[in-house]
């Protein structure tokens, strides 16, 4: 016997949630955020970060596994470290490429 999926029915709650979400975005779109310039700079580099972050994070985690395995059991320490490494390595590599003769290929490497 095959089980059929239930058809989606849009409800009043769905419409209300969507409208509230859109209004919330519009309400904060004019607000000034702390570190707005830094966030804009980071946002312009997100594709390059996406392309490279996993290599750095994986190698860092493997290094932790071999040299400090106890850290892997403490998520409160591990997660901020992985986030920092996932940002620092790609941003550092982008900075390095941008200051070498390879800068002509920057857009092909990092998008």
PDB file of N, CA and C in Angstrom:
ATOM      1  N   UNK A   1       0.835  -1.170   0.000  1.00  0.00           N
ATOM      2  CA  UNK A   1       0.000   0.000   0.000  1.00  0.00           C
ATOM      3  C   UNK A   1       0.887   1.244   0.000  1.00  0.00           C
ATOM      4  N   UNK A   2       0.575   2.174  -0.854  1.00  0.00           N
ATOM      5  CA  UNK A   2       1.383   3.390  -0.917  1.00  0.00           C
ATOM      6  C   UNK A   2       0.731   4.488  -0.085  1.00  0.00           C
ATOM      7  N   UNK A   3       1.555   5.197   0.628  1.00  0.00           N
ATOM      8  CA  UNK A   3       1.058   6.284   1.460  1.00  0.00           C
ATOM      9  C   UNK A   3       1.118   7.576   0.657  1.00  0.00           C
ATOM     10  N   UNK A   4       0.028   8.280   0.608  1.00  0.00           N
ATOM     11  CA  UNK A   4      -0.008   9.541  -0.121  1.00  0.00           C
ATOM     12  C   UNK A   4       0.335  10.682   0.829  1.00  0.00           C
ATOM     13  N   UNK A   5       1.035  11.650   0.284  1.00  0.00           N
ATOM     14  CA  UNK A   5       1.362  12.833   1.054  1.00  0.00           C
ATOM     15  C   UNK A   5       0.135  13.712   1.170  1.00  0.00           C
ATOM     16  N   UNK A   6       0.011  14.350   2.281  1.00  0.00           N
ATOM     17  CA  UNK A   6      -1.100  15.274   2.465  1.00  0.00           C
ATOM     18  C   UNK A   6      -0.826  16.555   1.680  1.00  0.00           C
ATOM     19  N   UNK A   7      -1.843  17.058   1.036  1.00  0.00           N
ATOM     20  CA  UNK A   7      -1.700  18.310   0.293  1.00  0.00           C
ATOM     21  C   UNK A   7      -1.562  19.466   1.280  1.00  0.00           C
ATOM     22  N   UNK A   8      -0.747  20.434   0.914  1.00  0.00           N
ATOM     23  CA  UNK A   8      -0.562  21.605   1.768  1.00  0.00           C
ATOM     24  C   UNK A   8      -1.761  22.528   1.615  1.00  0.00           C
ATOM     25  N   UNK A   9      -2.290  22.950   2.722  1.00  0.00           N
ATOM     26  CA  UNK A   9      -3.382  23.915   2.714  1.00  0.00           C
ATOM     27  C   UNK A   9      -2.903  25.149   3.450  1.00  0.00           C
ATOM     28  N   UNK A  10      -2.946  26.274   2.780  1.00  0.00           N
ATOM     29  CA  UNK A  10      -2.525  27.515   3.415  1.00  0.00           C
ATOM     30  C   UNK A  10      -3.597  27.953   4.395  1.00  0.00           C
ATOM     31  N   UNK A  11      -3.162  28.230   5.609  1.00  0.00           N
ATOM     32  CA  UNK A  11      -4.101  28.623   6.657  1.00  0.00           C
ATOM     33  C   UNK A  11      -3.918  30.098   6.993  1.00  0.00           C
ATOM     34  N   UNK A  12      -4.803  30.603   7.805  1.00  0.00           N
ATOM     35  CA  UNK A  12      -4.718  31.986   8.240  1.00  0.00           C
ATOM     36  C   UNK A  12      -3.434  32.219   9.040  1.00  0.00           C
ATOM     37  N   UNK A  13      -3.023  31.235   9.810  1.00  0.00           N
ATOM     38  CA  UNK A  13      -1.798  31.353  10.606  1.00  0.00           C
ATOM     39  C   UNK A  13      -0.582  31.481   9.685  1.00  0.00           C
ATOM     40  N   UNK A  14      -0.574  30.747   8.567  1.00  0.00           N
ATOM     41  CA  UNK A  14       0.522  30.862   7.605  1.00  0.00           C
ATOM     42  C   UNK A  14       0.611  32.280   7.049  1.00  0.00           C
ATOM     43  N   UNK A  15      -0.520  32.826   6.675  1.00  0.00           N
ATOM     44  CA  UNK A  15      -0.560  34.181   6.123  1.00  0.00           C
ATOM     45  C   UNK A  15      -0.142  35.196   7.181  1.00  0.00           C
ATOM     46  N   UNK A  16      -0.618  35.025   8.395  1.00  0.00           N
ATOM     47  CA  UNK A  16      -0.281  35.934   9.487  1.00  0.00           C
ATOM     48  C   UNK A  16       1.217  35.882   9.788  1.00  0.00           C
ATOM     49  N   UNK A  17       1.770  34.688   9.825  1.00  0.00           N
ATOM     50  CA  UNK A  17       3.210  34.541  10.085  1.00  0.00           C
ATOM     51  C   UNK A  17       4.030  35.184   8.982  1.00  0.00           C
ATOM     52  N   UNK A  18       3.661  34.961   7.737  1.00  0.00           N
ATOM     53  CA  UNK A  18       4.391  35.543   6.610  1.00  0.00           C
ATOM     54  C   UNK A  18       4.340  37.059   6.648  1.00  0.00           C
ATOM     55  N   UNK A  19       3.155  37.604   6.899  1.00  0.00           N
ATOM     56  CA  UNK A  19       3.017  39.058   6.965  1.00  0.00           C
ATOM     57  C   UNK A  19       3.829  39.637   8.122  1.00  0.00           C
ATOM     58  N   UNK A  20       3.806  38.979   9.270  1.00  0.00           N
ATOM     59  CA  UNK A  20       4.569  39.458  10.425  1.00  0.00           C
ATOM     60  C   UNK A  20       6.070  39.406  10.146  1.00  0.00           C
ATOM     61  N   UNK A  21       6.517  38.361   9.475  1.00  0.00           N
ATOM     62  CA  UNK A  21       7.936  38.241   9.150  1.00  0.00           C
ATOM     63  C   UNK A  21       8.368  39.356   8.197  1.00  0.00           C
ATOM     64  N   UNK A  22       7.576  39.619   7.177  1.00  0.00           N
ATOM     65  CA  UNK A  22       7.902  40.684   6.227  1.00  0.00           C
ATOM     66  C   UNK A  22       7.901  42.043   6.923  1.00  0.00           C
ATOM     67  N   UNK A  23       6.937  42.299   7.768  1.00  0.00           N
ATOM     68  CA  UNK A  23       6.885  43.563   8.493  1.00  0.00           C
ATOM     69  C   UNK A  23       8.069  43.705   9.451  1.00  0.00           C
ATOM     70  N   UNK A  24       8.486  42.616  10.065  1.00  0.00           N
ATOM     71  CA  UNK A  24       9.641  42.665  10.960  1.00  0.00           C
ATOM     72  C   UNK A  24      10.913  43.001  10.191  1.00  0.00           C
ATOM     73  N   UNK A  25      11.071  42.417   9.019  1.00  0.00           N
ATOM     74  CA  UNK A  25      12.244  42.726   8.189  1.00  0.00           C
ATOM     75  C   UNK A  25      12.227  44.189   7.777  1.00  0.00           C
ATOM     76  N   UNK A  26      11.073  44.684   7.367  1.00  0.00           N
ATOM     77  CA  UNK A  26      10.957  46.092   6.982  1.00  0.00           C
ATOM     78  C   UNK A  26      11.217  47.018   8.165  1.00  0.00           C
ATOM     79  N   UNK A  27      10.821  46.616   9.349  1.00  0.00           N
ATOM     80  CA  UNK A  27      11.016  47.455  10.534  1.00  0.00           C
ATOM     81  C   UNK A  27      12.494  47.603  10.885  1.00  0.00           C
ATOM     82  N   UNK A  28      13.270  46.567  10.713  1.00  0.00           N
ATOM     83  CA  UNK A  28      14.688  46.651  11.078  1.00  0.00           C
ATOM     84  C   UNK A  28      15.583  47.009   9.902  1.00  0.00           C
ATOM     85  N   UNK A  29      15.038  47.133   8.718  1.00  0.00           N
ATOM     86  CA  UNK A  29      15.877  47.417   7.555  1.00  0.00           C
ATOM     87  C   UNK A  29      16.492  48.809   7.626  1.00  0.00           C
ATOM     88  N   UNK A  30      15.858  49.729   8.309  1.00  0.00           N
ATOM     89  CA  UNK A  30      16.383  51.085   8.438  1.00  0.00           C
ATOM     90  C   UNK A  30      17.191  51.284   9.714  1.00  0.00           C
ATOM     91  N   UNK A  31      17.223  50.292  10.570  1.00  0.00           N
ATOM     92  CA  UNK A  31      17.954  50.401  11.834  1.00  0.00           C
ATOM     93  C   UNK A  31      19.449  50.322  11.576  1.00  0.00           C
ATOM     94  N   UNK A  32      20.204  51.015  12.390  1.00  0.00           N
ATOM     95  CA  UNK A  32      21.653  50.936  12.281  1.00  0.00           C
ATOM     96  C   UNK A  32      22.150  49.819  13.186  1.00  0.00           C
ATOM     97  N   UNK A  33      22.891  48.923  12.615  1.00  0.00           N
ATOM     98  CA  UNK A  33      23.420  47.785  13.366  1.00  0.00           C
ATOM     99  C   UNK A  33      24.824  48.094  13.849  1.00  0.00           C
ATOM    100  N   UNK A  34      25.186  47.576  15.015  1.00  0.00           N
ATOM    101  CA  UNK A  34      26.583  47.725  15.427  1.00  0.00           C
ATOM    102  C   UNK A  34      27.480  46.910  14.491  1.00  0.00           C
ATOM    103  N   UNK A  35      28.621  47.437  14.193  1.00  0.00           N
ATOM    104  CA  UNK A  35      29.587  46.788  13.302  1.00  0.00           C
ATOM    105  C   UNK A  35      29.020  46.605  11.897  1.00  0.00           C
ATOM    106  N   UNK A  36      28.187  47.523  11.435  1.00  0.00           N
ATOM    107  CA  UNK A  36      27.541  47.392  10.127  1.00  0.00           C
ATOM    108  C   UNK A  36      28.575  47.313   9.002  1.00  0.00           C
ATOM    109  N   UNK A  37      29.610  48.110   9.065  1.00  0.00           N
ATOM    110  CA  UNK A  37      30.636  48.110   8.017  1.00  0.00           C
ATOM    111  C   UNK A  37      31.352  46.761   7.974  1.00  0.00           C
ATOM    112  N   UNK A  38      31.675  46.222   9.130  1.00  0.00           N
ATOM    113  CA  UNK A  38      32.346  44.918   9.186  1.00  0.00           C
ATOM    114  C   UNK A  38      31.434  43.817   8.656  1.00  0.00           C
ATOM    115  N   UNK A  39      30.151  43.897   8.995  1.00  0.00           N
ATOM    116  CA  UNK A  39      29.199  42.895   8.502  1.00  0.00           C
ATOM    117  C   UNK A  39      29.025  42.987   6.988  1.00  0.00           C
ATOM    118  N   UNK A  40      29.045  44.213   6.447  1.00  0.00           N
ATOM    119  CA  UNK A  40      28.952  44.370   4.994  1.00  0.00           C
ATOM    120  C   UNK A  40      30.180  43.779   4.304  1.00  0.00           C
ATOM    121  N   UNK A  41      31.346  44.026   4.871  1.00  0.00           N
ATOM    122  CA  UNK A  41      32.578  43.475   4.307  1.00  0.00           C
ATOM    123  C   UNK A  41      32.551  41.949   4.363  1.00  0.00           C
ATOM    124  N   UNK A  42      32.143  41.421   5.490  1.00  0.00           N
ATOM    125  CA  UNK A  42      32.043  39.970   5.640  1.00  0.00           C
ATOM    126  C   UNK A  42      31.002  39.408   4.671  1.00  0.00           C
ATOM    127  N   UNK A  43      29.886  40.105   4.530  1.00  0.00           N
ATOM    128  CA  UNK A  43      28.828  39.657   3.628  1.00  0.00           C
ATOM    129  C   UNK A  43      29.262  39.613   2.178  1.00  0.00           C
ATOM    130  N   UNK A  44      30.135  40.525   1.786  1.00  0.00           N
ATOM    131  CA  UNK A  44      30.599  40.521   0.397  1.00  0.00           C
ATOM    132  C   UNK A  44      31.563  39.371   0.117  1.00  0.00           C
ATOM    133  N   UNK A  45      32.054  38.743   1.166  1.00  0.00           N
ATOM    134  CA  UNK A  45      33.005  37.640   0.998  1.00  0.00           C
ATOM    135  C   UNK A  45      32.408  36.276   1.349  1.00  0.00           C
ATOM    136  N   UNK A  46      31.115  36.206   1.513  1.00  0.00           N
ATOM    137  CA  UNK A  46      30.508  34.965   1.985  1.00  0.00           C
ATOM    138  C   UNK A  46      30.673  33.800   1.020  1.00  0.00           C
ATOM    139  N   UNK A  47      30.668  34.062  -0.285  1.00  0.00           N
ATOM    140  CA  UNK A  47      30.811  32.942  -1.214  1.00  0.00           C
ATOM    141  C   UNK A  47      32.211  32.344  -1.120  1.00  0.00           C
ATOM    142  N   UNK A  48      33.216  33.187  -1.010  1.00  0.00           N
ATOM    143  CA  UNK A  48      34.580  32.685  -0.838  1.00  0.00           C
ATOM    144  C   UNK A  48      34.734  31.926   0.466  1.00  0.00           C
ATOM    145  N   UNK A  49      34.101  32.422   1.527  1.00  0.00           N
ATOM    146  CA  UNK A  49      34.131  31.718   2.814  1.00  0.00           C
ATOM    147  C   UNK A  49      33.453  30.361   2.663  1.00  0.00           C
ATOM    148  N   UNK A  50      32.330  30.355   1.976  1.00  0.00           N
ATOM    149  CA  UNK A  50      31.595  29.098   1.750  1.00  0.00           C
ATOM    150  C   UNK A  50      32.452  28.087   0.997  1.00  0.00           C
ATOM    151  N   UNK A  51      33.217  28.554   0.017  1.00  0.00           N
ATOM    152  CA  UNK A  51      34.012  27.640  -0.795  1.00  0.00           C
ATOM    153  C   UNK A  51      35.172  27.019  -0.026  1.00  0.00           C
ATOM    154  N   UNK A  52      35.712  27.718   0.968  1.00  0.00           N
ATOM    155  CA  UNK A  52      36.947  27.274   1.608  1.00  0.00           C
ATOM    156  C   UNK A  52      36.791  26.821   3.049  1.00  0.00           C
ATOM    157  N   UNK A  53      35.734  27.244   3.726  1.00  0.00           N
ATOM    158  CA  UNK A  53      35.666  27.031   5.172  1.00  0.00           C
ATOM    159  C   UNK A  53      35.773  25.565   5.581  1.00  0.00           C
ATOM    160  N   UNK A  54      35.235  24.676   4.806  1.00  0.00           N
ATOM    161  CA  UNK A  54      35.194  23.274   5.229  1.00  0.00           C
ATOM    162  C   UNK A  54      36.589  22.652   5.279  1.00  0.00           C
ATOM    163  N   UNK A  55      37.458  23.067   4.384  1.00  0.00           N
ATOM    164  CA  UNK A  55      38.829  22.530   4.379  1.00  0.00           C
ATOM    165  C   UNK A  55      39.534  22.885   5.685  1.00  0.00           C
ATOM    166  N   UNK A  56      39.447  24.151   6.072  1.00  0.00           N
ATOM    167  CA  UNK A  56      40.091  24.594   7.306  1.00  0.00           C
ATOM    168  C   UNK A  56      39.486  23.962   8.541  1.00  0.00           C
ATOM    169  N   UNK A  57      38.163  23.905   8.587  1.00  0.00           N
ATOM    170  CA  UNK A  57      37.502  23.336   9.754  1.00  0.00           C
ATOM    171  C   UNK A  57      37.800  21.845   9.902  1.00  0.00           C
ATOM    172  N   UNK A  58      37.798  21.131   8.786  1.00  0.00           N
ATOM    173  CA  UNK A  58      38.060  19.694   8.854  1.00  0.00           C
ATOM    174  C   UNK A  58      39.479  19.415   9.321  1.00  0.00           C
ATOM    175  N   UNK A  59      40.440  20.126   8.758  1.00  0.00           N
ATOM    176  CA  UNK A  59      41.833  19.906   9.158  1.00  0.00           C
ATOM    177  C   UNK A  59      42.081  20.329  10.604  1.00  0.00           C
ATOM    178  N   UNK A  60      41.431  21.413  11.026  1.00  0.00           N
ATOM    179  CA  UNK A  60      41.554  21.835  12.417  1.00  0.00           C
ATOM    180  C   UNK A  60      40.970  20.776  13.357  1.00  0.00           C
ATOM    181  N   UNK A  61      39.805  20.246  13.015  1.00  0.00           N
ATOM    182  CA  UNK A  61      39.181  19.216  13.852  1.00  0.00           C
ATOM    183  C   UNK A  61      40.031  17.948  13.886  1.00  0.00           C
ATOM    184  N   UNK A  62      40.647  17.595  12.774  1.00  0.00           N
ATOM    185  CA  UNK A  62      41.535  16.422  12.768  1.00  0.00           C
ATOM    186  C   UNK A  62      42.750  16.655  13.656  1.00  0.00           C
ATOM    187  N   UNK A  63      43.282  17.889  13.592  1.00  0.00           N
ATOM    188  CA  UNK A  63      44.406  18.225  14.465  1.00  0.00           C
ATOM    189  C   UNK A  63      44.022  18.138  15.928  1.00  0.00           C
ATOM    190  N   UNK A  64      42.830  18.650  16.256  1.00  0.00           N
ATOM    191  CA  UNK A  64      42.347  18.533  17.634  1.00  0.00           C
ATOM    192  C   UNK A  64      42.210  17.074  18.047  1.00  0.00           C
ATOM    193  N   UNK A  65      41.710  16.265  17.132  1.00  0.00           N
ATOM    194  CA  UNK A  65      41.524  14.840  17.426  1.00  0.00           C
ATOM    195  C   UNK A  65      42.855  14.185  17.795  1.00  0.00           C
ATOM    196  N   UNK A  66      43.927  14.573  17.106  1.00  0.00           N
ATOM    197  CA  UNK A  66      45.228  13.947  17.343  1.00  0.00           C
ATOM    198  C   UNK A  66      45.984  14.566  18.508  1.00  0.00           C
ATOM    199  N   UNK A  67      45.863  15.884  18.696  1.00  0.00           N
ATOM    200  CA  UNK A  67      46.705  16.553  19.686  1.00  0.00           C
ATOM    201  C   UNK A  67      45.969  16.945  20.968  1.00  0.00           C
ATOM    202  N   UNK A  68      44.669  17.237  20.894  1.00  0.00           N
ATOM    203  CA  UNK A  68      43.894  17.605  22.083  1.00  0.00           C
ATOM    204  C   UNK A  68      42.497  16.999  21.997  1.00  0.00           C
ATOM    205  N   UNK A  69      42.379  15.691  22.049  1.00  0.00           N
ATOM    206  CA  UNK A  69      41.077  15.047  21.853  1.00  0.00           C
ATOM    207  C   UNK A  69      40.047  15.399  22.926  1.00  0.00           C
ATOM    208  N   UNK A  70      40.476  15.839  24.084  1.00  0.00           N
ATOM    209  CA  UNK A  70      39.523  16.170  25.152  1.00  0.00           C
ATOM    210  C   UNK A  70      38.630  17.347  24.763  1.00  0.00           C
ATOM    211  N   UNK A  71      39.124  18.227  23.883  1.00  0.00           N
ATOM    212  CA  UNK A  71      38.341  19.388  23.463  1.00  0.00           C
ATOM    213  C   UNK A  71      37.103  18.947  22.677  1.00  0.00           C
ATOM    214  N   UNK A  72      37.192  17.833  21.975  1.00  0.00           N
ATOM    215  CA  UNK A  72      36.062  17.360  21.165  1.00  0.00           C
ATOM    216  C   UNK A  72      34.846  17.020  22.019  1.00  0.00           C
ATOM    217  N   UNK A  73      35.037  16.753  23.279  1.00  0.00           N
ATOM    218  CA  UNK A  73      33.934  16.411  24.159  1.00  0.00           C
ATOM    219  C   UNK A  73      33.266  17.614  24.801  1.00  0.00           C
ATOM    220  N   UNK A  74      33.796  18.800  24.582  1.00  0.00           N
ATOM    221  CA  UNK A  74      33.257  20.017  25.195  1.00  0.00           C
ATOM    222  C   UNK A  74      32.784  20.967  24.097  1.00  0.00           C
ATOM    223  N   UNK A  75      31.498  20.874  23.761  1.00  0.00           N
ATOM    224  CA  UNK A  75      30.937  21.659  22.664  1.00  0.00           C
ATOM    225  C   UNK A  75      31.019  23.155  22.907  1.00  0.00           C
ATOM    226  N   UNK A  76      30.966  23.584  24.146  1.00  0.00           N
ATOM    227  CA  UNK A  76      31.013  25.012  24.464  1.00  0.00           C
ATOM    228  C   UNK A  76      32.363  25.615  24.069  1.00  0.00           C
ATOM    229  N   UNK A  77      33.388  24.794  24.014  1.00  0.00           N
ATOM    230  CA  UNK A  77      34.717  25.230  23.577  1.00  0.00           C
ATOM    231  C   UNK A  77      34.902  24.958  22.087  1.00  0.00           C
ATOM    232  N   UNK A  78      34.473  23.794  21.650  1.00  0.00           N
ATOM    233  CA  UNK A  78      34.706  23.360  20.275  1.00  0.00           C
ATOM    234  C   UNK A  78      33.986  24.230  19.248  1.00  0.00           C
ATOM    235  N   UNK A  79      32.723  24.537  19.476  1.00  0.00           N
ATOM    236  CA  UNK A  79      31.951  25.268  18.474  1.00  0.00           C
ATOM    237  C   UNK A  79      32.510  26.664  18.178  1.00  0.00           C
ATOM    238  N   UNK A  80      32.821  27.483  19.198  1.00  0.00           N
ATOM    239  CA  UNK A  80      33.426  28.788  18.877  1.00  0.00           C
ATOM    240  C   UNK A  80      34.762  28.663  18.155  1.00  0.00           C
ATOM    241  N   UNK A  81      35.541  27.635  18.510  1.00  0.00           N
ATOM    242  CA  UNK A  81      36.806  27.412  17.811  1.00  0.00           C
ATOM    243  C   UNK A  81      36.575  27.090  16.339  1.00  0.00           C
ATOM    244  N   UNK A  82      35.616  26.224  16.060  1.00  0.00           N
ATOM    245  CA  UNK A  82      35.329  25.863  14.672  1.00  0.00           C
ATOM    246  C   UNK A  82      34.782  27.053  13.876  1.00  0.00           C
ATOM    247  N   UNK A  83      33.948  27.855  14.501  1.00  0.00           N
ATOM    248  CA  UNK A  83      33.432  29.053  13.821  1.00  0.00           C
ATOM    249  C   UNK A  83      34.571  30.021  13.519  1.00  0.00           C
ATOM    250  N   UNK A  84      35.437  30.236  14.491  1.00  0.00           N
ATOM    251  CA  UNK A  84      36.571  31.144  14.290  1.00  0.00           C
ATOM    252  C   UNK A  84      37.490  30.635  13.183  1.00  0.00           C
ATOM    253  N   UNK A  85      37.817  29.358  13.206  1.00  0.00           N
ATOM    254  CA  UNK A  85      38.676  28.785  12.172  1.00  0.00           C
ATOM    255  C   UNK A  85      37.986  28.833  10.815  1.00  0.00           C
ATOM    256  N   UNK A  86      36.665  28.588  10.800  1.00  0.00           N
ATOM    257  CA  UNK A  86      35.903  28.631   9.557  1.00  0.00           C
ATOM    258  C   UNK A  86      35.840  30.006   8.945  1.00  0.00           C
ATOM    259  N   UNK A  87      36.086  31.040   9.724  1.00  0.00           N
ATOM    260  CA  UNK A  87      36.149  32.404   9.196  1.00  0.00           C
ATOM    261  C   UNK A  87      37.579  32.864   8.958  1.00  0.00           C
ATOM    262  N   UNK A  88      38.458  32.591   9.899  1.00  0.00           N
ATOM    263  CA  UNK A  88      39.823  33.120   9.829  1.00  0.00           C
ATOM    264  C   UNK A  88      40.607  32.537   8.656  1.00  0.00           C
ATOM    265  N   UNK A  89      40.523  31.241   8.447  1.00  0.00           N
ATOM    266  CA  UNK A  89      41.296  30.626   7.358  1.00  0.00           C
ATOM    267  C   UNK A  89      40.847  31.119   5.987  1.00  0.00           C
ATOM    268  N   UNK A  90      39.557  31.119   5.660  1.00  0.00           N
ATOM    269  CA  UNK A  90      39.166  31.647   4.344  1.00  0.00           C
ATOM    270  C   UNK A  90      39.477  33.135   4.177  1.00  0.00           C
ATOM    271  N   UNK A  91      39.206  33.934   5.214  1.00  0.00           N
ATOM    272  CA  UNK A  91      39.485  35.366   5.106  1.00  0.00           C
ATOM    273  C   UNK A  91      40.981  35.623   4.992  1.00  0.00           C
ATOM    274  N   UNK A  92      41.780  34.858   5.719  1.00  0.00           N
ATOM    275  CA  UNK A  92      43.236  34.992   5.609  1.00  0.00           C
ATOM    276  C   UNK A  92      43.744  34.595   4.237  1.00  0.00           C
ATOM    277  N   UNK A  93      43.201  33.527   3.683  1.00  0.00           N
ATOM    278  CA  UNK A  93      43.602  33.101   2.347  1.00  0.00           C
ATOM    279  C   UNK A  93      43.188  34.136   1.294  1.00  0.00           C
ATOM    280  N   UNK A  94      42.001  34.708   1.449  1.00  0.00           N
ATOM    281  CA  UNK A  94      41.563  35.755   0.531  1.00  0.00           C
ATOM    282  C   UNK A  94      42.477  36.973   0.621  1.00  0.00           C
ATOM    283  N   UNK A  95      42.825  37.347   1.843  1.00  0.00           N
ATOM    284  CA  UNK A  95      43.716  38.480   2.050  1.00  0.00           C
ATOM    285  C   UNK A  95      45.070  38.215   1.400  1.00  0.00           C
ATOM    286  N   UNK A  96      45.583  37.000   1.583  1.00  0.00           N
ATOM    287  CA  UNK A  96      46.878  36.636   1.027  1.00  0.00           C
ATOM    288  C   UNK A  96      46.855  36.665  -0.503  1.00  0.00           C
ATOM    289  N   UNK A  97      45.838  36.071  -1.101  1.00  0.00           N
ATOM    290  CA  UNK A  97      45.739  36.042  -2.565  1.00  0.00           C
ATOM    291  C   UNK A  97      45.579  37.451  -3.112  1.00  0.00           C
ATOM    292  N   UNK A  98      44.869  38.294  -2.400  1.00  0.00           N
ATOM    293  CA  UNK A  98      44.633  39.664  -2.863  1.00  0.00           C
ATOM    294  C   UNK A  98      45.902  40.507  -2.823  1.00  0.00           C
ATOM    295  N   UNK A  99      46.944  40.074  -2.120  1.00  0.00           N
ATOM    296  CA  UNK A  99      48.182  40.831  -2.023  1.00  0.00           C
ATOM    297  C   UNK A  99      49.345  40.180  -2.763  1.00  0.00           C
ATOM    298  N   UNK A 100      49.048  39.211  -3.577  1.00  0.00           N
ATOM    299  CA  UNK A 100      50.077  38.564  -4.388  1.00  0.00           C
ATOM    300  C   UNK A 100      49.733  38.760  -5.861  1.00  0.00           C
ATOM    301  N   UNK A 101      50.621  38.364  -6.756  1.00  0.00           N
ATOM    302  CA  UNK A 101      50.292  38.461  -8.184  1.00  0.00           C
ATOM    303  C   UNK A 101      49.080  37.626  -8.594  1.00  0.00           C
ATOM    304  N   UNK A 102      48.661  36.713  -7.730  1.00  0.00           N
ATOM    305  CA  UNK A 102      47.481  35.896  -8.028  1.00  0.00           C
ATOM    306  C   UNK A 102      46.186  36.687  -7.891  1.00  0.00           C
ATOM    307  N   UNK A 103      46.264  37.976  -7.479  1.00  0.00           N
ATOM    308  CA  UNK A 103      45.058  38.777  -7.295  1.00  0.00           C
ATOM    309  C   UNK A 103      44.253  38.922  -8.567  1.00  0.00           C
ATOM    310  N   UNK A 104      44.906  38.758  -9.723  1.00  0.00           N
ATOM    311  CA  UNK A 104      44.183  38.829 -10.997  1.00  0.00           C
ATOM    312  C   UNK A 104      43.193  37.670 -11.143  1.00  0.00           C
ATOM    313  N   UNK A 105      43.432  36.590 -10.409  1.00  0.00           N
ATOM    314  CA  UNK A 105      42.560  35.416 -10.481  1.00  0.00           C
ATOM    315  C   UNK A 105      41.638  35.315  -9.272  1.00  0.00           C
ATOM    316  N   UNK A 106      41.623  36.347  -8.424  1.00  0.00           N
ATOM    317  CA  UNK A 106      40.843  36.346  -7.195  1.00  0.00           C
ATOM    318  C   UNK A 106      39.375  36.025  -7.456  1.00  0.00           C
ATOM    319  N   UNK A 107      38.792  36.677  -8.448  1.00  0.00           N
ATOM    320  CA  UNK A 107      37.361  36.461  -8.707  1.00  0.00           C
ATOM    321  C   UNK A 107      37.081  35.055  -9.212  1.00  0.00           C
ATOM    322  N   UNK A 108      38.052  34.416  -9.857  1.00  0.00           N
ATOM    323  CA  UNK A 108      37.853  33.038 -10.319  1.00  0.00           C
ATOM    324  C   UNK A 108      38.014  32.037  -9.182  1.00  0.00           C
ATOM    325  N   UNK A 109      38.865  32.376  -8.220  1.00  0.00           N
ATOM    326  CA  UNK A 109      39.107  31.472  -7.092  1.00  0.00           C
ATOM    327  C   UNK A 109      37.996  31.584  -6.054  1.00  0.00           C
ATOM    328  N   UNK A 110      37.609  32.802  -5.729  1.00  0.00           N
ATOM    329  CA  UNK A 110      36.676  33.035  -4.620  1.00  0.00           C
ATOM    330  C   UNK A 110      35.306  33.523  -5.061  1.00  0.00           C
ATOM    331  N   UNK A 111      35.066  33.639  -6.308  1.00  0.00           N
ATOM    332  CA  UNK A 111      33.745  34.063  -6.784  1.00  0.00           C
ATOM    333  C   UNK A 111      33.529  35.535  -6.796  1.00  0.00           C
TER     334      UNK A 111
END
